[in-house]
Full PDB file with SEQRES, HELIX, SHEET, SSBOND, CRYST1, ORIGX, SCALE, CONECT and MASTER records, all heavy atoms in Angstrom:
SEQRES   1 A   40  GLY GLY GLU ASN ILE GLY TYR LEU ASP LEU VAL LEU GLY          
SEQRES   2 A   40  TRP ILE SER TYR PHE LEU PRO VAL MET GLU GLU ALA GLY          
SEQRES   3 A   40  ASN PHE HIS ILE ILE ASP PRO LEU LYS PHE PRO ALA ILE          
SEQRES   4 A   40  SER                                                          
HELIX    1 AA1 TYR A    7  LEU A   12  1                                   6    
HELIX    2 AA2 TRP A   14  GLY A   26  1                                  13    
CRYST1    1.000    1.000    1.000  90.00  90.00  90.00 P 1           1          
ORIGX1      1.000000  0.000000  0.000000        0.00000                         
ORIGX2      0.000000  1.000000  0.000000        0.00000                         
ORIGX3      0.000000  0.000000  1.000000        0.00000                         
SCALE1      1.000000  0.000000  0.000000        0.00000                         
SCALE2      0.000000  1.000000  0.000000        0.00000                         
SCALE3      0.000000  0.000000  1.000000        0.00000                         
ATOM      1  N   GLY A   1      52.472  87.598  90.526  1.00  0.00           N  
ATOM      2  CA  GLY A   1      51.427  88.600  90.409  1.00  0.00           C  
ATOM      3  C   GLY A   1      51.925  89.967  89.975  1.00  0.00           C  
ATOM      4  O   GLY A   1      51.173  90.932  89.954  1.00  0.00           O  
ATOM      5  N   GLY A   2      53.210  90.070  89.627  1.00  0.00           N  
ATOM      6  CA  GLY A   2      53.788  91.363  89.225  1.00  0.00           C  
ATOM      7  C   GLY A   2      54.605  91.960  90.352  1.00  0.00           C  
ATOM      8  O   GLY A   2      55.526  91.334  90.865  1.00  0.00           O  
ATOM      9  N   GLU A   3      54.243  93.165  90.760  1.00  0.00           N  
ATOM     10  CA  GLU A   3      54.942  93.812  91.855  1.00  0.00           C  
ATOM     11  C   GLU A   3      54.399  93.415  93.217  1.00  0.00           C  
ATOM     12  O   GLU A   3      55.001  93.670  94.250  1.00  0.00           O  
ATOM     13  CB  GLU A   3      54.881  95.345  91.700  1.00  0.00           C  
ATOM     14  CG  GLU A   3      55.772  95.900  90.610  1.00  0.00           C  
ATOM     15  CD  GLU A   3      57.239  95.561  90.848  1.00  0.00           C  
ATOM     16  OE1 GLU A   3      57.745  95.861  91.953  1.00  0.00           O  
ATOM     17  OE2 GLU A   3      57.879  94.980  89.937  1.00  0.00           O  
ATOM     18  N   ASN A   4      53.221  92.798  93.211  1.00  0.00           N  
ATOM     19  CA  ASN A   4      52.587  92.369  94.449  1.00  0.00           C  
ATOM     20  C   ASN A   4      52.317  90.866  94.440  1.00  0.00           C  
ATOM     21  O   ASN A   4      52.121  90.282  93.373  1.00  0.00           O  
ATOM     22  CB  ASN A   4      51.259  93.111  94.678  1.00  0.00           C  
ATOM     23  CG  ASN A   4      51.456  94.593  94.835  1.00  0.00           C  
ATOM     24  OD1 ASN A   4      52.279  95.049  95.631  1.00  0.00           O  
ATOM     25  ND2 ASN A   4      50.699  95.388  94.063  1.00  0.00           N  
ATOM     26  N   ILE A   5      52.305  90.276  95.609  1.00  0.00           N  
ATOM     27  CA  ILE A   5      51.963  88.859  95.728  1.00  0.00           C  
ATOM     28  C   ILE A   5      50.528  88.642  95.260  1.00  0.00           C  
ATOM     29  O   ILE A   5      49.608  89.364  95.648  1.00  0.00           O  
ATOM     30  CB  ILE A   5      52.131  88.382  97.184  1.00  0.00           C  
ATOM     31  CG1 ILE A   5      53.619  88.276  97.536  1.00  0.00           C  
ATOM     32  CG2 ILE A   5      51.435  87.051  97.407  1.00  0.00           C  
ATOM     33  CD1 ILE A   5      53.880  87.899  98.964  1.00  0.00           C  
ATOM     34  N   GLY A   6      50.349  87.637  94.416  1.00  0.00           N  
ATOM     35  CA  GLY A   6      49.020  87.302  93.914  1.00  0.00           C  
ATOM     36  C   GLY A   6      48.663  85.859  94.179  1.00  0.00           C  
ATOM     37  O   GLY A   6      49.331  85.130  94.911  1.00  0.00           O  
ATOM     38  N   TYR A   7      47.596  85.439  93.535  1.00  0.00           N  
ATOM     39  CA  TYR A   7      47.032  84.102  93.721  1.00  0.00           C  
ATOM     40  C   TYR A   7      48.078  83.004  93.465  1.00  0.00           C  
ATOM     41  O   TYR A   7      48.240  82.101  94.267  1.00  0.00           O  
ATOM     42  CB  TYR A   7      45.836  83.955  92.782  1.00  0.00           C  
ATOM     43  CG  TYR A   7      45.061  82.679  92.871  1.00  0.00           C  
ATOM     44  CD1 TYR A   7      43.905  82.606  93.662  1.00  0.00           C  
ATOM     45  CD2 TYR A   7      45.424  81.546  92.153  1.00  0.00           C  
ATOM     46  CE1 TYR A   7      43.152  81.437  93.720  1.00  0.00           C  
ATOM     47  CE2 TYR A   7      44.688  80.379  92.206  1.00  0.00           C  
ATOM     48  CZ  TYR A   7      43.549  80.333  92.981  1.00  0.00           C  
ATOM     49  OH  TYR A   7      42.815  79.173  93.049  1.00  0.00           O  
ATOM     50  N   LEU A   8      48.774  83.100  92.312  1.00  0.00           N  
ATOM     51  CA  LEU A   8      49.732  82.059  91.960  1.00  0.00           C  
ATOM     52  C   LEU A   8      50.924  82.039  92.909  1.00  0.00           C  
ATOM     53  O   LEU A   8      51.485  80.964  93.189  1.00  0.00           O  
ATOM     54  CB  LEU A   8      50.194  82.251  90.517  1.00  0.00           C  
ATOM     55  CG  LEU A   8      51.069  81.134  89.917  1.00  0.00           C  
ATOM     56  CD1 LEU A   8      50.398  79.766  90.059  1.00  0.00           C  
ATOM     57  CD2 LEU A   8      51.379  81.421  88.457  1.00  0.00           C  
ATOM     58  N   ASP A   9      51.310  83.192  93.440  1.00  0.00           N  
ATOM     59  CA  ASP A   9      52.377  83.226  94.449  1.00  0.00           C  
ATOM     60  C   ASP A   9      51.982  82.416  95.674  1.00  0.00           C  
ATOM     61  O   ASP A   9      52.814  81.694  96.250  1.00  0.00           O  
ATOM     62  CB  ASP A   9      52.677  84.665  94.860  1.00  0.00           C  
ATOM     63  CG  ASP A   9      53.252  85.498  93.732  1.00  0.00           C  
ATOM     64  OD1 ASP A   9      54.447  85.356  93.452  1.00  0.00           O  
ATOM     65  OD2 ASP A   9      52.493  86.265  93.128  1.00  0.00           O  
ATOM     66  N   LEU A  10      50.731  82.543  96.081  1.00  0.00           N  
ATOM     67  CA  LEU A  10      50.277  81.800  97.254  1.00  0.00           C  
ATOM     68  C   LEU A  10      50.227  80.297  96.964  1.00  0.00           C  
ATOM     69  O   LEU A  10      50.556  79.479  97.830  1.00  0.00           O  
ATOM     70  CB  LEU A  10      48.899  82.298  97.696  1.00  0.00           C  
ATOM     71  CG  LEU A  10      48.810  83.789  98.076  1.00  0.00           C  
ATOM     72  CD1 LEU A  10      47.420  84.104  98.634  1.00  0.00           C  
ATOM     73  CD2 LEU A  10      49.877  84.170  99.064  1.00  0.00           C  
ATOM     74  N   VAL A  11      49.811  79.960  95.743  1.00  0.00           N  
ATOM     75  CA  VAL A  11      49.768  78.546  95.367  1.00  0.00           C  
ATOM     76  C   VAL A  11      51.163  77.920  95.420  1.00  0.00           C  
ATOM     77  O   VAL A  11      51.367  76.814  95.899  1.00  0.00           O  
ATOM     78  CB  VAL A  11      49.162  78.386  93.961  1.00  0.00           C  
ATOM     79  CG1 VAL A  11      49.305  76.937  93.470  1.00  0.00           C  
ATOM     80  CG2 VAL A  11      47.686  78.794  93.972  1.00  0.00           C  
ATOM     81  N   LEU A  12      52.145  78.673  94.927  1.00  0.00           N  
ATOM     82  CA  LEU A  12      53.513  78.175  94.846  1.00  0.00           C  
ATOM     83  C   LEU A  12      54.329  78.494  96.094  1.00  0.00           C  
ATOM     84  O   LEU A  12      55.516  78.134  96.171  1.00  0.00           O  
ATOM     85  CB  LEU A  12      54.219  78.777  93.617  1.00  0.00           C  
ATOM     86  CG  LEU A  12      53.692  78.268  92.268  1.00  0.00           C  
ATOM     87  CD1 LEU A  12      54.186  79.167  91.144  1.00  0.00           C  
ATOM     88  CD2 LEU A  12      54.138  76.840  92.022  1.00  0.00           C  
ATOM     89  N   GLY A  13      53.723  79.137  97.065  1.00  0.00           N  
ATOM     90  CA  GLY A  13      54.454  79.583  98.235  1.00  0.00           C  
ATOM     91  C   GLY A  13      55.172  78.479  98.988  1.00  0.00           C  
ATOM     92  O   GLY A  13      56.237  78.702  99.571  1.00  0.00           O  
ATOM     93  N   TRP A  14      54.633  77.266  98.953  1.00  0.00           N  
ATOM     94  CA  TRP A  14      55.246  76.139  99.663  1.00  0.00           C  
ATOM     95  C   TRP A  14      56.658  75.844  99.158  1.00  0.00           C  
ATOM     96  O   TRP A  14      57.489  75.326  99.897  1.00  0.00           O  
ATOM     97  CB  TRP A  14      54.371  74.889  99.525  1.00  0.00           C  
ATOM     98  CG  TRP A  14      54.304  74.341  98.119  1.00  0.00           C  
ATOM     99  CD1 TRP A  14      53.457  74.776  97.137  1.00  0.00           C  
ATOM    100  CD2 TRP A  14      55.095  73.319  97.549  1.00  0.00           C  
ATOM    101  NE1 TRP A  14      53.671  74.065  95.972  1.00  0.00           N  
ATOM    102  CE2 TRP A  14      54.677  73.160  96.202  1.00  0.00           C  
ATOM    103  CE3 TRP A  14      56.126  72.503  98.020  1.00  0.00           C  
ATOM    104  CZ2 TRP A  14      55.247  72.244  95.336  1.00  0.00           C  
ATOM    105  CZ3 TRP A  14      56.696  71.583  97.165  1.00  0.00           C  
ATOM    106  CH2 TRP A  14      56.265  71.460  95.837  1.00  0.00           C  
ATOM    107  N   ILE A  15      56.923  76.198  97.896  1.00  0.00           N  
ATOM    108  CA  ILE A  15      58.256  75.957  97.316  1.00  0.00           C  
ATOM    109  C   ILE A  15      59.321  76.752  98.076  1.00  0.00           C  
ATOM    110  O   ILE A  15      60.474  76.303  98.182  1.00  0.00           O  
ATOM    111  CB  ILE A  15      58.251  76.312  95.817  1.00  0.00           C  
ATOM    112  CG1 ILE A  15      57.387  75.323  95.044  1.00  0.00           C  
ATOM    113  CG2 ILE A  15      59.673  76.344  95.242  1.00  0.00           C  
ATOM    114  CD1 ILE A  15      57.148  75.707  93.597  1.00  0.00           C  
ATOM    115  N   SER A  16      58.949  77.886  98.620  1.00  0.00           N  
ATOM    116  CA  SER A  16      59.926  78.777  99.252  1.00  0.00           C  
ATOM    117  C   SER A  16      60.432  78.244 100.601  1.00  0.00           C  
ATOM    118  O   SER A  16      61.591  78.454 100.952  1.00  0.00           O  
ATOM    119  CB  SER A  16      59.306  80.174  99.453  1.00  0.00           C  
ATOM    120  OG  SER A  16      58.265  80.132 100.405  1.00  0.00           O  
ATOM    121  N   TYR A  17      59.592  77.556 101.343  1.00  0.00           N  
ATOM    122  CA  TYR A  17      59.975  77.120 102.701  1.00  0.00           C  
ATOM    123  C   TYR A  17      59.814  75.633 102.928  1.00  0.00           C  
ATOM    124  O   TYR A  17      60.559  75.013 103.683  1.00  0.00           O  
ATOM    125  CB  TYR A  17      59.154  77.880 103.755  1.00  0.00           C  
ATOM    126  CG  TYR A  17      57.726  77.369 103.855  1.00  0.00           C  
ATOM    127  CD1 TYR A  17      57.381  76.414 104.813  1.00  0.00           C  
ATOM    128  CD2 TYR A  17      56.744  77.812 102.973  1.00  0.00           C  
ATOM    129  CE1 TYR A  17      56.080  75.908 104.877  1.00  0.00           C  
ATOM    130  CE2 TYR A  17      55.451  77.321 103.040  1.00  0.00           C  
ATOM    131  CZ  TYR A  17      55.131  76.378 103.987  1.00  0.00           C  
ATOM    132  OH  TYR A  17      53.865  75.866 104.043  1.00  0.00           O  
ATOM    133  N   PHE A  18      58.830  75.008 102.254  1.00  0.00           N  
ATOM    134  CA  PHE A  18      58.498  73.608 102.506  1.00  0.00           C  
ATOM    135  C   PHE A  18      59.333  72.659 101.660  1.00  0.00           C  
ATOM    136  O   PHE A  18      59.789  71.618 102.147  1.00  0.00           O  
ATOM    137  CB  PHE A  18      57.008  73.390 102.243  1.00  0.00           C  
ATOM    138  CG  PHE A  18      56.433  72.153 102.863  1.00  0.00           C  
ATOM    139  CD1 PHE A  18      56.450  71.971 104.243  1.00  0.00           C  
ATOM    140  CD2 PHE A  18      55.862  71.153 102.082  1.00  0.00           C  
ATOM    141  CE1 PHE A  18      55.910  70.834 104.825  1.00  0.00           C  
ATOM    142  CE2 PHE A  18      55.317  70.015 102.649  1.00  0.00           C  
ATOM    143  CZ  PHE A  18      55.349  69.852 104.029  1.00  0.00           C  
ATOM    144  N   LEU A  19      59.546  73.018 100.397  1.00  0.00           N  
ATOM    145  CA  LEU A  19      60.314  72.144  99.513  1.00  0.00           C  
ATOM    146  C   LEU A  19      61.735  71.898 100.011  1.00  0.00           C  
ATOM    147  O   LEU A  19      62.192  70.745  99.977  1.00  0.00           O  
ATOM    148  CB  LEU A  19      60.317  72.714  98.089  1.00  0.00           C  
ATOM    149  CG  LEU A  19      61.075  71.869  97.055  1.00  0.00           C  
ATOM    150  CD1 LEU A  19      60.524  70.438  96.969  1.00  0.00           C  
ATOM    151  CD2 LEU A  19      61.019  72.532  95.679  1.00  0.00           C  
ATOM    152  N   PRO A  20      62.474  72.931 100.492  1.00  0.00           N  
ATOM    153  CA  PRO A  20      63.817  72.643 101.009  1.00  0.00           C  
ATOM    154  C   PRO A  20      63.830  71.628 102.157  1.00  0.00           C  
ATOM    155  O   PRO A  20      64.764  70.831 102.266  1.00  0.00           O  
ATOM    156  CB  PRO A  20      64.319  74.020 101.473  1.00  0.00           C  
ATOM    157  CG  PRO A  20      63.551  74.999 100.654  1.00  0.00           C  
ATOM    158  CD  PRO A  20      62.192  74.373 100.475  1.00  0.00           C  
ATOM    159  N   VAL A  21      62.799  71.648 102.988  1.00  0.00           N  
ATOM    160  CA  VAL A  21      62.729  70.685 104.091  1.00  0.00           C  
ATOM    161  C   VAL A  21      62.380  69.299 103.546  1.00  0.00           C  
ATOM    162  O   VAL A  21      62.928  68.295 104.021  1.00  0.00           O  
ATOM    163  CB  VAL A  21      61.682  71.137 105.140  1.00  0.00           C  
ATOM    164  CG1 VAL A  21      61.747  70.241 106.371  1.00  0.00           C  
ATOM    165  CG2 VAL A  21      61.896  72.583 105.534  1.00  0.00           C  
ATOM    166  N   MET A  22      61.516  69.246 102.548  1.00  0.00           N  
ATOM    167  CA  MET A  22      61.211  67.964 101.900  1.00  0.00           C  
ATOM    168  C   MET A  22      62.459  67.366 101.281  1.00  0.00           C  
ATOM    169  O   MET A  22      62.693  66.152 101.384  1.00  0.00           O  
ATOM    170  CB  MET A  22      60.140  68.175 100.816  1.00  0.00           C  
ATOM    171  CG  MET A  22      58.773  68.575 101.320  1.00  0.00           C  
ATOM    172  SD  MET A  22      57.647  68.964  99.958  1.00  0.00           S  
ATOM    173  CE  MET A  22      57.457  67.360  99.173  1.00  0.00           C  
ATOM    174  N   GLU A  23      63.250  68.219 100.629  1.00  0.00           N  
ATOM    175  CA  GLU A  23      64.482  67.751  99.999  1.00  0.00           C  
ATOM    176  C   GLU A  23      65.438  67.148 101.022  1.00  0.00           C  
ATOM    177  O   GLU A  23      66.048  66.105 100.781  1.00  0.00           O  
ATOM    178  CB  GLU A  23      65.151  68.896  99.251  1.00  0.00           C  
ATOM    179  CG  GLU A  23      64.390  69.356  98.011  1.00  0.00           C  
ATOM    180  CD  GLU A  23      65.003  70.583  97.367  1.00  0.00           C  
ATOM    181  OE1 GLU A  23      65.558  71.431  98.102  1.00  0.00           O  
ATOM    182  OE2 GLU A  23      64.931  70.702  96.139  1.00  0.00           O  
ATOM    183  N   GLU A  24      65.559  67.818 102.161  1.00  0.00           N  
ATOM    184  CA  GLU A  24      66.446  67.300 103.205  1.00  0.00           C  
ATOM    185  C   GLU A  24      65.900  65.996 103.799  1.00  0.00           C  
ATOM    186  O   GLU A  24      66.659  65.034 103.980  1.00  0.00           O  
ATOM    187  CB  GLU A  24      66.635  68.333 104.316  1.00  0.00           C  
ATOM    188  CG  GLU A  24      67.558  67.847 105.426  1.00  0.00           C  
ATOM    189  CD  GLU A  24      67.816  68.894 106.506  1.00  0.00           C  
ATOM    190  OE1 GLU A  24      67.463  70.068 106.297  1.00  0.00           O  
ATOM    191  OE2 GLU A  24      68.364  68.522 107.555  1.00  0.00           O  
ATOM    192  N   ALA A  25      64.611  65.972 104.061  1.00  0.00           N  
ATOM    193  CA  ALA A  25      64.013  64.779 104.668  1.00  0.00           C  
ATOM    194  C   ALA A  25      64.118  63.569 103.744  1.00  0.00           C  
ATOM    195  O   ALA A  25      64.375  62.447 104.184  1.00  0.00           O  
ATOM    196  CB  ALA A  25      62.561  65.057 105.032  1.00  0.00           C  
ATOM    197  N   GLY A  26      63.904  63.785 102.436  1.00  0.00           N  
ATOM    198  CA  GLY A  26      63.871  62.685 101.505  1.00  0.00           C  
ATOM    199  C   GLY A  26      65.155  62.461 100.722  1.00  0.00           C  
ATOM    200  O   GLY A  26      65.208  61.568  99.867  1.00  0.00           O  
ATOM    201  N   ASN A  27      66.164  63.301 101.007  1.00  0.00           N  
ATOM    202  CA  ASN A  27      67.475  63.155 100.354  1.00  0.00           C  
ATOM    203  C   ASN A  27      67.346  63.213  98.816  1.00  0.00           C  
ATOM    204  O   ASN A  27      67.746  62.278  98.099  1.00  0.00           O  
ATOM    205  CB  ASN A  27      68.161  61.859 100.777  1.00  0.00           C  
ATOM    206  CG  ASN A  27      69.623  61.817 100.342  1.00  0.00           C  
ATOM    207  OD1 ASN A  27      70.273  62.850 100.186  1.00  0.00           O  
ATOM    208  ND2 ASN A  27      70.143  60.622 100.133  1.00  0.00           N  
ATOM    209  N   PHE A  28      66.761  64.287  98.327  1.00  0.00           N  
ATOM    210  CA  PHE A  28      66.689  64.531  96.877  1.00  0.00           C  
ATOM    211  C   PHE A  28      66.832  66.038  96.672  1.00  0.00           C  
ATOM    212  O   PHE A  28      66.817  66.817  97.629  1.00  0.00           O  
ATOM    213  CB  PHE A  28      65.369  64.014  96.293  1.00  0.00           C  
ATOM    214  CG  PHE A  28      64.153  64.790  96.715  1.00  0.00           C  
ATOM    215  CD1 PHE A  28      63.556  65.708  95.878  1.00  0.00           C  
ATOM    216  CD2 PHE A  28      63.580  64.571  97.964  1.00  0.00           C  
ATOM    217  CE1 PHE A  28      62.428  66.415  96.273  1.00  0.00           C  
ATOM    218  CE2 PHE A  28      62.446  65.263  98.374  1.00  0.00           C  
ATOM    219  CZ  PHE A  28      61.869  66.201  97.519  1.00  0.00           C  
ATOM    220  N   HIS A  29      66.978  66.463  95.422  1.00  0.00           N  
ATOM    221  CA  HIS A  29      67.201  67.876  95.171  1.00  0.00           C  
ATOM    222  C   HIS A  29      66.515  68.284  93.867  1.00  0.00           C  
ATOM    223  O   HIS A  29      66.674  67.625  92.848  1.00  0.00           O  
ATOM    224  CB  HIS A  29      68.703  68.182  95.078  1.00  0.00           C  
ATOM    225  CG  HIS A  29      69.034  69.644  95.168  1.00  0.00           C  
ATOM    226  ND1 HIS A  29      68.632  70.437  96.211  1.00  0.00           N  
ATOM    227  CD2 HIS A  29      69.719  70.447  94.328  1.00  0.00           C  
ATOM    228  CE1 HIS A  29      69.059  71.665  96.019  1.00  0.00           C  
ATOM    229  NE2 HIS A  29      69.717  71.716  94.864  1.00  0.00           N  
ATOM    230  N   ILE A  30      65.790  69.383  93.938  1.00  0.00           N  
ATOM    231  CA  ILE A  30      65.074  69.903  92.765  1.00  0.00           C  
ATOM    232  C   ILE A  30      65.559  71.305  92.390  1.00  0.00           C  
ATOM    233  O   ILE A  30      65.916  71.562  91.252  1.00  0.00           O  
ATOM    234  CB  ILE A  30      63.546  69.912  93.012  1.00  0.00           C  
ATOM    235  CG1 ILE A  30      63.018  68.480  93.126  1.00  0.00           C  
ATOM    236  CG2 ILE A  30      62.826  70.654  91.886  1.00  0.00           C  
ATOM    237  CD1 ILE A  30      61.558  68.398  93.521  1.00  0.00           C  
ATOM    238  N   ILE A  31      65.591  72.199  93.372  1.00  0.00           N  
ATOM    239  CA  ILE A  31      65.887  73.604  93.083  1.00  0.00           C  
ATOM    240  C   ILE A  31      67.390  73.872  93.205  1.00  0.00           C  
ATOM    241  O   ILE A  31      67.932  73.966  94.303  1.00  0.00           O  
ATOM    242  CB  ILE A  31      65.117  74.548  94.026  1.00  0.00           C  
ATOM    243  CG1 ILE A  31      63.621  74.319  93.910  1.00  0.00           C  
ATOM    244  CG2 ILE A  31      65.461  76.009  93.700  1.00  0.00           C  
ATOM    245  CD1 ILE A  31      63.037  74.675  92.561  1.00  0.00           C  
ATOM    246  N   ASP A  32      68.040  73.996  92.068  1.00  0.00           N  
ATOM    247  CA  ASP A  32      69.440  74.428  92.000  1.00  0.00           C  
ATOM    248  C   ASP A  32      69.431  75.928  91.672  1.00  0.00           C  
ATOM    249  O   ASP A  32      68.924  76.311  90.610  1.00  0.00           O  
ATOM    250  CB  ASP A  32      70.168  73.639  90.914  1.00  0.00           C  
ATOM    251  CG  ASP A  32      71.637  74.037  90.783  1.00  0.00           C  
ATOM    252  OD1 ASP A  32      72.035  75.047  91.381  1.00  0.00           O  
ATOM    253  OD2 ASP A  32      72.380  73.321  90.081  1.00  0.00           O  
ATOM    254  N   PRO A  33      69.972  76.765  92.561  1.00  0.00           N  
ATOM    255  CA  PRO A  33      69.947  78.215  92.305  1.00  0.00           C  
ATOM    256  C   PRO A  33      70.582  78.623  90.985  1.00  0.00           C  
ATOM    257  O   PRO A  33      70.185  79.620  90.378  1.00  0.00           O  
ATOM    258  CB  PRO A  33      70.738  78.784  93.492  1.00  0.00           C  
ATOM    259  CG  PRO A  33      70.606  77.767  94.568  1.00  0.00           C  
ATOM    260  CD  PRO A  33      70.579  76.445  93.853  1.00  0.00           C  
ATOM    261  N   LEU A  34      71.572  77.847  90.514  1.00  0.00           N  
ATOM    262  CA  LEU A  34      72.219  78.168  89.243  1.00  0.00           C  
ATOM    263  C   LEU A  34      71.311  77.847  88.061  1.00  0.00           C  
ATOM    264  O   LEU A  34      71.327  78.544  87.041  1.00  0.00           O  
ATOM    265  CB  LEU A  34      73.543  77.395  89.114  1.00  0.00           C  
ATOM    266  CG  LEU A  34      74.632  77.755  90.128  1.00  0.00           C  
ATOM    267  CD1 LEU A  34      75.854  76.887  89.918  1.00  0.00           C  
ATOM    268  CD2 LEU A  34      74.987  79.234  90.023  1.00  0.00           C  
ATOM    269  N   LYS A  35      70.513  76.793  88.208  1.00  0.00           N  
ATOM    270  CA  LYS A  35      69.602  76.399  87.137  1.00  0.00           C  
ATOM    271  C   LYS A  35      68.277  77.158  87.211  1.00  0.00           C  
ATOM    272  O   LYS A  35      67.622  77.377  86.188  1.00  0.00           O  
ATOM    273  CB  LYS A  35      69.331  74.889  87.200  1.00  0.00           C  
ATOM    274  CG  LYS A  35      68.525  74.374  86.028  1.00  0.00           C  
ATOM    275  CD  LYS A  35      68.416  72.862  86.046  1.00  0.00           C  
ATOM    276  CE  LYS A  35      67.632  72.358  84.850  1.00  0.00           C  
ATOM    277  NZ  LYS A  35      67.525  70.860  84.833  1.00  0.00           N  
ATOM    278  N   PHE A  36      67.896  77.550  88.429  1.00  0.00           N  
ATOM    279  CA  PHE A  36      66.618  78.243  88.625  1.00  0.00           C  
ATOM    280  C   PHE A  36      66.848  79.587  89.326  1.00  0.00           C  
ATOM    281  O   PHE A  36      66.362  79.797  90.452  1.00  0.00           O  
ATOM    282  CB  PHE A  36      65.673  77.365  89.456  1.00  0.00           C  
ATOM    283  CG  PHE A  36      65.305  76.060  88.805  1.00  0.00           C  
ATOM    284  CD1 PHE A  36      65.837  74.867  89.278  1.00  0.00           C  
ATOM    285  CD2 PHE A  36      64.446  76.015  87.733  1.00  0.00           C  
ATOM    286  CE1 PHE A  36      65.517  73.648  88.699  1.00  0.00           C  
ATOM    287  CE2 PHE A  36      64.099  74.801  87.135  1.00  0.00           C  
ATOM    288  CZ  PHE A  36      64.637  73.612  87.610  1.00  0.00           C  
ATOM    289  N   PRO A  37      67.566  80.508  88.700  1.00  0.00           N  
ATOM    290  CA  PRO A  37      67.854  81.775  89.357  1.00  0.00           C  
ATOM    291  C   PRO A  37      66.611  82.646  89.593  1.00  0.00           C  
ATOM    292  O   PRO A  37      66.520  83.338  90.614  1.00  0.00           O  
ATOM    293  CB  PRO A  37      68.819  82.476  88.387  1.00  0.00           C  
ATOM    294  CG  PRO A  37      68.539  81.859  87.057  1.00  0.00           C  
ATOM    295  CD  PRO A  37      68.197  80.436  87.351  1.00  0.00           C  
ATOM    296  N   ALA A  38      65.658  82.612  88.656  1.00  0.00           N  
ATOM    297  CA  ALA A  38      64.450  83.431  88.817  1.00  0.00           C  
ATOM    298  C   ALA A  38      63.598  82.930  89.978  1.00  0.00           C  
ATOM    299  O   ALA A  38      63.079  83.707  90.766  1.00  0.00           O  
ATOM    300  CB  ALA A  38      63.654  83.453  87.513  1.00  0.00           C  
ATOM    301  N   ILE A  39      63.455  81.611  90.067  1.00  0.00           N  
ATOM    302  CA  ILE A  39      62.692  81.034  91.178  1.00  0.00           C  
ATOM    303  C   ILE A  39      63.396  81.303  92.492  1.00  0.00           C  
ATOM    304  O   ILE A  39      62.753  81.617  93.504  1.00  0.00           O  
ATOM    305  CB  ILE A  39      62.476  79.518  90.967  1.00  0.00           C  
ATOM    306  CG1 ILE A  39      61.523  79.272  89.809  1.00  0.00           C  
ATOM    307  CG2 ILE A  39      61.954  78.856  92.244  1.00  0.00           C  
ATOM    308  CD1 ILE A  39      61.343  77.823  89.452  1.00  0.00           C  
ATOM    309  N   SER A  40      64.713  81.185  92.502  1.00  0.00           N  
ATOM    310  CA  SER A  40      65.475  81.432  93.722  1.00  0.00           C  
ATOM    311  C   SER A  40      65.315  82.866  94.192  1.00  0.00           C  
ATOM    312  O   SER A  40      65.167  83.131  95.400  1.00  0.00           O  
ATOM    313  CB  SER A  40      66.954  81.116  93.481  1.00  0.00           C  
ATOM    314  OG  SER A  40      67.138  79.755  93.166  1.00  0.00           O  
TER     315      SER A  40                                                      
MASTER        0    0    0    2    0    0    0    6  314    1    0    4          
END                                                                             
């Protein structure tokens, strides 16, 4: 949303806290900080 959290940030918010737990539970990996520095 720019300098402030917006609609799309809320939609994607699960990636910040939920996806890492999914990765651990299911033994897979999507977000590599080196490949996805902006998302990280």
